[in-house]
PDB file of N, CA and C in Angstrom:
ATOM      1  N   MET A   1      -7.139 -83.587  68.670  1.00  0.00           N
ATOM      2  CA  MET A   1      -7.723 -84.899  68.614  1.00  0.00           C
ATOM      3  C   MET A   1      -7.891 -85.487  70.005  1.00  0.00           C
ATOM      4  N   ILE A   2      -6.881 -85.358  70.830  1.00  0.00           N
ATOM      5  CA  ILE A   2      -6.955 -85.924  72.166  1.00  0.00           C
ATOM      6  C   ILE A   2      -8.089 -85.292  72.953  1.00  0.00           C
ATOM      7  N   ASN A   3      -8.328 -84.005  72.772  1.00  0.00           N
ATOM      8  CA  ASN A   3      -9.421 -83.348  73.488  1.00  0.00           C
ATOM      9  C   ASN A   3     -10.762 -83.952  73.130  1.00  0.00           C
ATOM     10  N   SER A   4     -10.970 -84.318  71.852  1.00  0.00           N
ATOM     11  CA  SER A   4     -12.253 -84.911  71.471  1.00  0.00           C
ATOM     12  C   SER A   4     -12.433 -86.277  72.124  1.00  0.00           C
ATOM     13  N   LEU A   5     -11.337 -87.026  72.320  1.00  0.00           N
ATOM     14  CA  LEU A   5     -11.444 -88.315  73.000  1.00  0.00           C
ATOM     15  C   LEU A   5     -11.749 -88.131  74.472  1.00  0.00           C
ATOM     16  N   ARG A   6     -11.181 -87.108  75.081  1.00  0.00           N
ATOM     17  CA  ARG A   6     -11.414 -86.873  76.499  1.00  0.00           C
ATOM     18  C   ARG A   6     -12.828 -86.361  76.770  1.00  0.00           C
ATOM     19  N   SER A   7     -13.467 -85.799  75.749  1.00  0.00           N
ATOM     20  CA  SER A   7     -14.812 -85.293  75.955  1.00  0.00           C
ATOM     21  C   SER A   7     -15.854 -86.414  75.950  1.00  0.00           C
ATOM     22  N   ILE A   8     -15.436 -87.620  75.582  1.00  0.00           N
ATOM     23  CA  ILE A   8     -16.341 -88.767  75.643  1.00  0.00           C
ATOM     24  C   ILE A   8     -16.579 -89.099  77.110  1.00  0.00           C
ATOM     25  N   PRO A   9     -17.827 -89.267  77.512  1.00  0.00           N
ATOM     26  CA  PRO A   9     -18.104 -89.561  78.924  1.00  0.00           C
ATOM     27  C   PRO A   9     -17.364 -90.807  79.389  1.00  0.00           C
ATOM     28  N   GLU A  10     -16.859 -90.765  80.603  1.00  0.00           N
ATOM     29  CA  GLU A  10     -16.179 -91.909  81.191  1.00  0.00           C
ATOM     30  C   GLU A  10     -17.182 -93.044  81.386  1.00  0.00           C
ATOM     31  N   PRO A  11     -16.800 -94.260  81.067  1.00  0.00           N
ATOM     32  CA  PRO A  11     -17.691 -95.399  81.280  1.00  0.00           C
ATOM     33  C   PRO A  11     -17.767 -95.739  82.764  1.00  0.00           C
ATOM     34  N   GLU A  12     -18.753 -96.521  83.120  1.00  0.00           N
ATOM     35  CA  GLU A  12     -18.878 -96.946  84.510  1.00  0.00           C
ATOM     36  C   GLU A  12     -17.705 -97.832  84.911  1.00  0.00           C
ATOM     37  N   ASN A  13     -17.305 -98.730  84.011  1.00  0.00           N
ATOM     38  CA  ASN A  13     -16.093 -99.505  84.272  1.00  0.00           C
ATOM     39  C   ASN A  13     -14.958 -98.867  83.477  1.00  0.00           C
ATOM     40  N   LYS A  14     -13.758 -99.055  83.914  1.00  0.00           N
ATOM     41  CA  LYS A  14     -12.617 -98.386  83.298  1.00  0.00           C
ATOM     42  C   LYS A  14     -12.133 -99.058  82.022  1.00  0.00           C
ATOM     43  N   LEU A  15     -12.723-100.178  81.626  1.00  0.00           N
ATOM     44  CA  LEU A  15     -12.320-100.866  80.411  1.00  0.00           C
ATOM     45  C   LEU A  15     -13.193-100.374  79.255  1.00  0.00           C
ATOM     46  N   ASP A  16     -12.834 -99.217  78.718  1.00  0.00           N
ATOM     47  CA  ASP A  16     -13.584 -98.616  77.625  1.00  0.00           C
ATOM     48  C   ASP A  16     -13.019 -99.142  76.311  1.00  0.00           C
ATOM     49  N   ILE A  17     -13.840 -99.859  75.567  1.00  0.00           N
ATOM     50  CA  ILE A  17     -13.415-100.520  74.342  1.00  0.00           C
ATOM     51  C   ILE A  17     -14.024 -99.818  73.133  1.00  0.00           C
ATOM     52  N   LEU A  18     -13.195 -99.584  72.112  1.00  0.00           N
ATOM     53  CA  LEU A  18     -13.639 -98.934  70.885  1.00  0.00           C
ATOM     54  C   LEU A  18     -13.478 -99.887  69.707  1.00  0.00           C
ATOM     55  N   THR A  19     -14.397 -99.801  68.755  1.00  0.00           N
ATOM     56  CA  THR A  19     -14.250-100.552  67.511  1.00  0.00           C
ATOM     57  C   THR A  19     -13.367 -99.743  66.567  1.00  0.00           C
ATOM     58  N   LEU A  20     -12.934-100.370  65.477  1.00  0.00           N
ATOM     59  CA  LEU A  20     -12.139 -99.649  64.486  1.00  0.00           C
ATOM     60  C   LEU A  20     -12.953 -98.502  63.879  1.00  0.00           C
ATOM     61  N   ALA A  21     -14.248 -98.701  63.716  1.00  0.00           N
ATOM     62  CA  ALA A  21     -15.117 -97.645  63.202  1.00  0.00           C
ATOM     63  C   ALA A  21     -15.182 -96.472  64.180  1.00  0.00           C
ATOM     64  N   ASP A  22     -15.246 -96.769  65.480  1.00  0.00           N
ATOM     65  CA  ASP A  22     -15.242 -95.710  66.499  1.00  0.00           C
ATOM     66  C   ASP A  22     -13.953 -94.887  66.411  1.00  0.00           C
ATOM     67  N   VAL A  23     -12.828 -95.580  66.300  1.00  0.00           N
ATOM     68  CA  VAL A  23     -11.532 -94.902  66.230  1.00  0.00           C
ATOM     69  C   VAL A  23     -11.442 -94.050  64.966  1.00  0.00           C
ATOM     70  N   ALA A  24     -11.906 -94.590  63.851  1.00  0.00           N
ATOM     71  CA  ALA A  24     -11.889 -93.846  62.595  1.00  0.00           C
ATOM     72  C   ALA A  24     -12.703 -92.556  62.718  1.00  0.00           C
ATOM     73  N   GLU A  25     -13.854 -92.648  63.348  1.00  0.00           N
ATOM     74  CA  GLU A  25     -14.699 -91.466  63.538  1.00  0.00           C
ATOM     75  C   GLU A  25     -14.010 -90.435  64.440  1.00  0.00           C
ATOM     76  N   LEU A  26     -13.402 -90.899  65.515  1.00  0.00           N
ATOM     77  CA  LEU A  26     -12.718 -89.992  66.437  1.00  0.00           C
ATOM     78  C   LEU A  26     -11.514 -89.310  65.794  1.00  0.00           C
ATOM     79  N   LEU A  27     -10.812 -90.021  64.924  1.00  0.00           N
ATOM     80  CA  LEU A  27      -9.611 -89.473  64.294  1.00  0.00           C
ATOM     81  C   LEU A  27      -9.898 -88.837  62.934  1.00  0.00           C
ATOM     82  N   HIS A  28     -11.155 -88.818  62.546  1.00  0.00           N
ATOM     83  CA  HIS A  28     -11.581 -88.179  61.294  1.00  0.00           C
ATOM     84  C   HIS A  28     -10.873 -88.763  60.078  1.00  0.00           C
ATOM     85  N   CYS A  29     -10.877 -90.093  59.997  1.00  0.00           N
ATOM     86  CA  CYS A  29     -10.321 -90.762  58.826  1.00  0.00           C
ATOM     87  C   CYS A  29     -11.161 -92.012  58.554  1.00  0.00           C
ATOM     88  N   SER A  30     -10.788 -92.757  57.528  1.00  0.00           N
ATOM     89  CA  SER A  30     -11.577 -93.928  57.165  1.00  0.00           C
ATOM     90  C   SER A  30     -11.218 -95.137  58.023  1.00  0.00           C
ATOM     91  N   LYS A  31     -12.147 -96.073  58.087  1.00  0.00           N
ATOM     92  CA  LYS A  31     -11.900 -97.315  58.811  1.00  0.00           C
ATOM     93  C   LYS A  31     -10.766 -98.084  58.122  1.00  0.00           C
ATOM     94  N   ALA A  32     -10.692 -98.011  56.794  1.00  0.00           N
ATOM     95  CA  ALA A  32      -9.622 -98.684  56.052  1.00  0.00           C
ATOM     96  C   ALA A  32      -8.251 -98.141  56.461  1.00  0.00           C
ATOM     97  N   HIS A  33      -8.170 -96.834  56.678  1.00  0.00           N
ATOM     98  CA  HIS A  33      -6.898 -96.242  57.097  1.00  0.00           C
ATOM     99  C   HIS A  33      -6.517 -96.718  58.495  1.00  0.00           C
ATOM    100  N   ILE A  34      -7.480 -96.828  59.389  1.00  0.00           N
ATOM    101  CA  ILE A  34      -7.215 -97.344  60.731  1.00  0.00           C
ATOM    102  C   ILE A  34      -6.735 -98.795  60.641  1.00  0.00           C
ATOM    103  N   CYS A  35      -7.351 -99.589  59.780  1.00  0.00           N
ATOM    104  CA  CYS A  35      -6.910-100.978  59.584  1.00  0.00           C
ATOM    105  C   CYS A  35      -5.464-101.018  59.101  1.00  0.00           C
ATOM    106  N   ASN A  36      -5.109-100.122  58.186  1.00  0.00           N
ATOM    107  CA  ASN A  36      -3.736-100.065  57.701  1.00  0.00           C
ATOM    108  C   ASN A  36      -2.760 -99.697  58.821  1.00  0.00           C
ATOM    109  N   ILE A  37      -3.157 -98.761  59.668  1.00  0.00           N
ATOM    110  CA  ILE A  37      -2.303 -98.375  60.798  1.00  0.00           C
ATOM    111  C   ILE A  37      -2.147 -99.550  61.763  1.00  0.00           C
ATOM    112  N   VAL A  38      -3.250-100.200  62.104  1.00  0.00           N
ATOM    113  CA  VAL A  38      -3.232-101.341  63.025  1.00  0.00           C
ATOM    114  C   VAL A  38      -2.325-102.447  62.484  1.00  0.00           C
ATOM    115  N   ASN A  39      -2.366-102.674  61.188  1.00  0.00           N
ATOM    116  CA  ASN A  39      -1.589-103.744  60.563  1.00  0.00           C
ATOM    117  C   ASN A  39      -0.145-103.334  60.266  1.00  0.00           C
ATOM    118  N   GLY A  40       0.223-102.082  60.597  1.00  0.00           N
ATOM    119  CA  GLY A  40       1.593-101.627  60.374  1.00  0.00           C
ATOM    120  C   GLY A  40       1.904-101.289  58.932  1.00  0.00           C
ATOM    121  N   ASN A  41       0.887-100.959  58.146  1.00  0.00           N
ATOM    122  CA  ASN A  41       1.069-100.680  56.726  1.00  0.00           C
ATOM    123  C   ASN A  41       1.173 -99.202  56.380  1.00  0.00           C
ATOM    124  N   VAL A  42       1.306 -98.331  57.378  1.00  0.00           N
ATOM    125  CA  VAL A  42       1.432 -96.895  57.133  1.00  0.00           C
ATOM    126  C   VAL A  42       2.861 -96.493  57.509  1.00  0.00           C
ATOM    127  N   LYS A  43       3.598 -96.010  56.522  1.00  0.00           N
ATOM    128  CA  LYS A  43       5.006 -95.650  56.724  1.00  0.00           C
ATOM    129  C   LYS A  43       5.147 -94.582  57.807  1.00  0.00           C
ATOM    130  N   ASP A  44       6.159 -94.730  58.629  1.00  0.00           N
ATOM    131  CA  ASP A  44       6.480 -93.788  59.710  1.00  0.00           C
ATOM    132  C   ASP A  44       5.359 -93.626  60.725  1.00  0.00           C
ATOM    133  N   CYS A  45       4.515 -94.653  60.863  1.00  0.00           N
ATOM    134  CA  CYS A  45       3.422 -94.591  61.829  1.00  0.00           C
ATOM    135  C   CYS A  45       3.425 -95.883  62.631  1.00  0.00           C
ATOM    136  N   LEU A  46       3.554 -95.746  63.945  1.00  0.00           N
ATOM    137  CA  LEU A  46       3.528 -96.919  64.815  1.00  0.00           C
ATOM    138  C   LEU A  46       2.142 -97.565  64.777  1.00  0.00           C
ATOM    139  N   PRO A  47       2.060 -98.902  64.816  1.00  0.00           N
ATOM    140  CA  PRO A  47       0.746 -99.559  64.847  1.00  0.00           C
ATOM    141  C   PRO A  47      -0.012 -99.231  66.137  1.00  0.00           C
ATOM    142  N   ILE A  48      -1.317 -99.147  66.031  1.00  0.00           N
ATOM    143  CA  ILE A  48      -2.168 -98.947  67.204  1.00  0.00           C
ATOM    144  C   ILE A  48      -2.325-100.300  67.900  1.00  0.00           C
ATOM    145  N   PRO A  49      -2.099-100.364  69.218  1.00  0.00           N
ATOM    146  CA  PRO A  49      -2.288-101.634  69.939  1.00  0.00           C
ATOM    147  C   PRO A  49      -3.752-102.057  69.921  1.00  0.00           C
ATOM    148  N   ILE A  50      -3.984-103.346  69.711  1.00  0.00           N
ATOM    149  CA  ILE A  50      -5.357-103.855  69.614  1.00  0.00           C
ATOM    150  C   ILE A  50      -5.564-105.043  70.544  1.00  0.00           C
ATOM    151  N   ILE A  51      -6.830-105.372  70.735  1.00  0.00           N
ATOM    152  CA  ILE A  51      -7.257-106.581  71.431  1.00  0.00           C
ATOM    153  C   ILE A  51      -7.947-107.437  70.369  1.00  0.00           C
ATOM    154  N   LEU A  52      -7.519-108.678  70.227  1.00  0.00           N
ATOM    155  CA  LEU A  52      -8.131-109.568  69.243  1.00  0.00           C
ATOM    156  C   LEU A  52      -9.153-110.487  69.906  1.00  0.00           C
ATOM    157  N   PHE A  53     -10.338-110.532  69.329  1.00  0.00           N
ATOM    158  CA  PHE A  53     -11.375-111.490  69.712  1.00  0.00           C
ATOM    159  C   PHE A  53     -11.741-112.241  68.447  1.00  0.00           C
ATOM    160  N   GLY A  54     -10.994-113.290  68.161  1.00  0.00           N
ATOM    161  CA  GLY A  54     -11.175-113.977  66.889  1.00  0.00           C
ATOM    162  C   GLY A  54     -10.719-113.051  65.769  1.00  0.00           C
ATOM    163  N   ARG A  55     -11.621-112.757  64.831  1.00  0.00           N
ATOM    164  CA  ARG A  55     -11.291-111.836  63.743  1.00  0.00           C
ATOM    165  C   ARG A  55     -11.602-110.392  64.101  1.00  0.00           C
ATOM    166  N   ARG A  56     -12.264-110.174  65.198  1.00  0.00           N
ATOM    167  CA  ARG A  56     -12.661-108.824  65.609  1.00  0.00           C
ATOM    168  C   ARG A  56     -11.501-108.118  66.301  1.00  0.00           C
ATOM    169  N   LYS A  57     -11.241-106.874  65.891  1.00  0.00           N
ATOM    170  CA  LYS A  57     -10.171-106.076  66.471  1.00  0.00           C
ATOM    171  C   LYS A  57     -10.784-104.916  67.246  1.00  0.00           C
ATOM    172  N   LEU A  58     -10.389-104.794  68.511  1.00  0.00           N
ATOM    173  CA  LEU A  58     -10.896-103.735  69.377  1.00  0.00           C
ATOM    174  C   LEU A  58      -9.715-102.968  69.965  1.00  0.00           C
ATOM    175  N   ILE A  59      -9.975-101.728  70.351  1.00  0.00           N
ATOM    176  CA  ILE A  59      -8.915-100.868  70.875  1.00  0.00           C
ATOM    177  C   ILE A  59      -9.377-100.261  72.188  1.00  0.00           C
ATOM    178  N   ARG A  60      -8.534-100.395  73.219  1.00  0.00           N
ATOM    179  CA  ARG A  60      -8.831 -99.745  74.502  1.00  0.00           C
ATOM    180  C   ARG A  60      -8.641 -98.246  74.342  1.00  0.00           C
ATOM    181  N   ARG A  61      -9.528 -97.467  74.915  1.00  0.00           N
ATOM    182  CA  ARG A  61      -9.471 -96.010  74.831  1.00  0.00           C
ATOM    183  C   ARG A  61      -8.142 -95.481  75.362  1.00  0.00           C
ATOM    184  N   GLU A  62      -7.691 -96.021  76.492  1.00  0.00           N
ATOM    185  CA  GLU A  62      -6.423 -95.581  77.081  1.00  0.00           C
ATOM    186  C   GLU A  62      -5.239 -95.908  76.176  1.00  0.00           C
ATOM    187  N   SER A  63      -5.288 -97.043  75.499  1.00  0.00           N
ATOM    188  CA  SER A  63      -4.224 -97.412  74.559  1.00  0.00           C
ATOM    189  C   SER A  63      -4.194 -96.441  73.385  1.00  0.00           C
ATOM    190  N   LEU A  64      -5.367 -96.040  72.922  1.00  0.00           N
ATOM    191  CA  LEU A  64      -5.436 -95.074  71.826  1.00  0.00           C
ATOM    192  C   LEU A  64      -4.861 -93.728  72.248  1.00  0.00           C
ATOM    193  N   LEU A  65      -5.215 -93.276  73.442  1.00  0.00           N
ATOM    194  CA  LEU A  65      -4.668 -92.003  73.934  1.00  0.00           C
ATOM    195  C   LEU A  65      -3.148 -92.067  74.049  1.00  0.00           C
ATOM    196  N   GLN A  66      -2.631 -93.178  74.575  1.00  0.00           N
ATOM    197  CA  GLN A  66      -1.179 -93.339  74.696  1.00  0.00           C
ATOM    198  C   GLN A  66      -0.535 -93.385  73.317  1.00  0.00           C
ATOM    199  N   TRP A  67      -1.152 -94.079  72.370  1.00  0.00           N
ATOM    200  CA  TRP A  67      -0.638 -94.159  70.998  1.00  0.00           C
ATOM    201  C   TRP A  67      -0.578 -92.771  70.371  1.00  0.00           C
ATOM    202  N   LEU A  68      -1.612 -91.966  70.597  1.00  0.00           N
ATOM    203  CA  LEU A  68      -1.616 -90.608  70.049  1.00  0.00           C
ATOM    204  C   LEU A  68      -0.461 -89.784  70.609  1.00  0.00           C
ATOM    205  N   LYS A  69      -0.221 -89.895  71.913  1.00  0.00           N
ATOM    206  CA  LYS A  69       0.890 -89.160  72.530  1.00  0.00           C
ATOM    207  C   LYS A  69       2.225 -89.635  71.956  1.00  0.00           C
ATOM    208  N   THR A  70       2.401 -90.934  71.844  1.00  0.00           N
ATOM    209  CA  THR A  70       3.648 -91.496  71.320  1.00  0.00           C
ATOM    210  C   THR A  70       3.848 -91.118  69.859  1.00  0.00           C
ATOM    211  N   THR A  71       2.793 -91.213  69.072  1.00  0.00           N
ATOM    212  CA  THR A  71       2.883 -90.896  67.653  1.00  0.00           C
ATOM    213  C   THR A  71       3.168 -89.416  67.446  1.00  0.00           C
ATOM    214  N   GLU A  72       2.560 -88.576  68.246  1.00  0.00           N
ATOM    215  CA  GLU A  72       2.795 -87.134  68.144  1.00  0.00           C
ATOM    216  C   GLU A  72       4.261 -86.843  68.452  1.00  0.00           C
ATOM    217  N   HIS A  73       4.797 -87.455  69.495  1.00  0.00           N
ATOM    218  CA  HIS A  73       6.195 -87.264  69.861  1.00  0.00           C
ATOM    219  C   HIS A  73       7.093 -87.803  68.743  1.00  0.00           C
ATOM    220  N   PHE A  74       6.765 -88.979  68.230  1.00  0.00           N
ATOM    221  CA  PHE A  74       7.541 -89.615  67.168  1.00  0.00           C
ATOM    222  C   PHE A  74       7.584 -88.710  65.940  1.00  0.00           C
ATOM    223  N   ALA A  75       6.451 -88.167  65.559  1.00  0.00           N
ATOM    224  CA  ALA A  75       6.387 -87.316  64.373  1.00  0.00           C
ATOM    225  C   ALA A  75       7.201 -86.041  64.579  1.00  0.00           C
ATOM    226  N   LYS A  76       7.120 -85.462  65.755  1.00  0.00           N
ATOM    227  CA  LYS A  76       7.864 -84.232  66.017  1.00  0.00           C
ATOM    228  C   LYS A  76       9.361 -84.469  65.996  1.00  0.00           C
ATOM    229  N   SER A  77       9.814 -85.555  66.602  1.00  0.00           N
ATOM    230  CA  SER A  77      11.245 -85.761  66.750  1.00  0.00           C
ATOM    231  C   SER A  77      11.911 -86.277  65.483  1.00  0.00           C
ATOM    232  N   ASP A  78      11.250 -87.121  64.704  1.00  0.00           N
ATOM    233  CA  ASP A  78      11.898 -87.734  63.558  1.00  0.00           C
ATOM    234  C   ASP A  78      11.455 -87.158  62.219  1.00  0.00           C
ATOM    235  N   SER A  79      10.190 -87.289  61.904  1.00  0.00           N
ATOM    236  CA  SER A  79       9.721 -86.911  60.583  1.00  0.00           C
ATOM    237  C   SER A  79       9.882 -85.423  60.319  1.00  0.00           C
ATOM    238  N   LEU A  80       9.528 -84.585  61.283  1.00  0.00           N
ATOM    239  CA  LEU A  80       9.625 -83.148  61.086  1.00  0.00           C
ATOM    240  C   LEU A  80      11.076 -82.726  60.906  1.00  0.00           C
ATOM    241  N   THR A  81      11.965 -83.287  61.694  1.00  0.00           N
ATOM    242  CA  THR A  81      13.381 -82.976  61.564  1.00  0.00           C
ATOM    243  C   THR A  81      13.880 -83.377  60.184  1.00  0.00           C
ATOM    244  N   THR A  82      13.497 -84.556  59.725  1.00  0.00           N
ATOM    245  CA  THR A  82      13.907 -85.032  58.412  1.00  0.00           C
ATOM    246  C   THR A  82      13.393 -84.094  57.327  1.00  0.00           C
ATOM    247  N   LEU A  83      12.148 -83.676  57.438  1.00  0.00           N
ATOM    248  CA  LEU A  83      11.587 -82.761  56.443  1.00  0.00           C
ATOM    249  C   LEU A  83      12.312 -81.423  56.450  1.00  0.00           C
ATOM    250  N   LEU A  84      12.632 -80.907  57.614  1.00  0.00           N
ATOM    251  CA  LEU A  84      13.318 -79.623  57.696  1.00  0.00           C
ATOM    252  C   LEU A  84      14.722 -79.710  57.112  1.00  0.00           C
ATOM    253  N   VAL A  85      15.432 -80.781  57.404  1.00  0.00           N
ATOM    254  CA  VAL A  85      16.782 -80.945  56.860  1.00  0.00           C
ATOM    255  C   VAL A  85      16.726 -81.110  55.348  1.00  0.00           C
ATOM    256  N   ARG A  86      15.803 -81.900  54.856  1.00  0.00           N
ATOM    257  CA  ARG A  86      15.654 -82.108  53.418  1.00  0.00           C
ATOM    258  C   ARG A  86      15.307 -80.796  52.727  1.00  0.00           C
ATOM    259  N   ASP A  87      14.380 -80.042  53.304  1.00  0.00           N
ATOM    260  CA  ASP A  87      13.965 -78.762  52.731  1.00  0.00           C
ATOM    261  C   ASP A  87      15.103 -77.756  52.748  1.00  0.00           C
ATOM    262  N   ALA A  88      15.884 -77.726  53.821  1.00  0.00           N
ATOM    263  CA  ALA A  88      16.996 -76.798  53.941  1.00  0.00           C
ATOM    264  C   ALA A  88      18.040 -77.081  52.870  1.00  0.00           C
ATOM    265  N   GLY A  89      18.243 -78.352  52.546  1.00  0.00           N
ATOM    266  CA  GLY A  89      19.204 -78.717  51.523  1.00  0.00           C
ATOM    267  C   GLY A  89      18.794 -78.225  50.137  1.00  0.00           C
ATOM    268  N   LYS A  90      17.508 -78.196  49.868  1.00  0.00           N
ATOM    269  CA  LYS A  90      17.017 -77.732  48.566  1.00  0.00           C
ATOM    270  C   LYS A  90      17.194 -76.231  48.409  1.00  0.00           C
ATOM    271  N   ARG A  91      17.099 -75.504  49.516  1.00  0.00           N
ATOM    272  CA  ARG A  91      17.196 -74.050  49.446  1.00  0.00           C
ATOM    273  C   ARG A  91      18.641 -73.579  49.390  1.00  0.00           C
ATOM    274  N   GLY A  92      19.567 -74.414  49.830  1.00  0.00           N
ATOM    275  CA  GLY A  92      20.973 -74.029  49.934  1.00  0.00           C
ATOM    276  C   GLY A  92      21.669 -73.944  48.652  1.00  0.00           C
TER     277      GLY A  92
END
């Protein structure tokens, strides 16, 4: 996923702003799912940092990349370990 974001041409200014629809397309999921993540409604998933302009929610490209790195680390360290321990208990 991160590679597809990096393949987007760099903007002339470094403040690259994405809409929720842009993020949904990049992450191959629905805009509704991105809204749920942003609002903190997805279990075991950190919210994506946003910029609010009234009711409009925007996401900086760099913030999204950092969120992906953090979420990937979070999933590896906590959720995967929990799943492995739970699975090991069933087999024992």
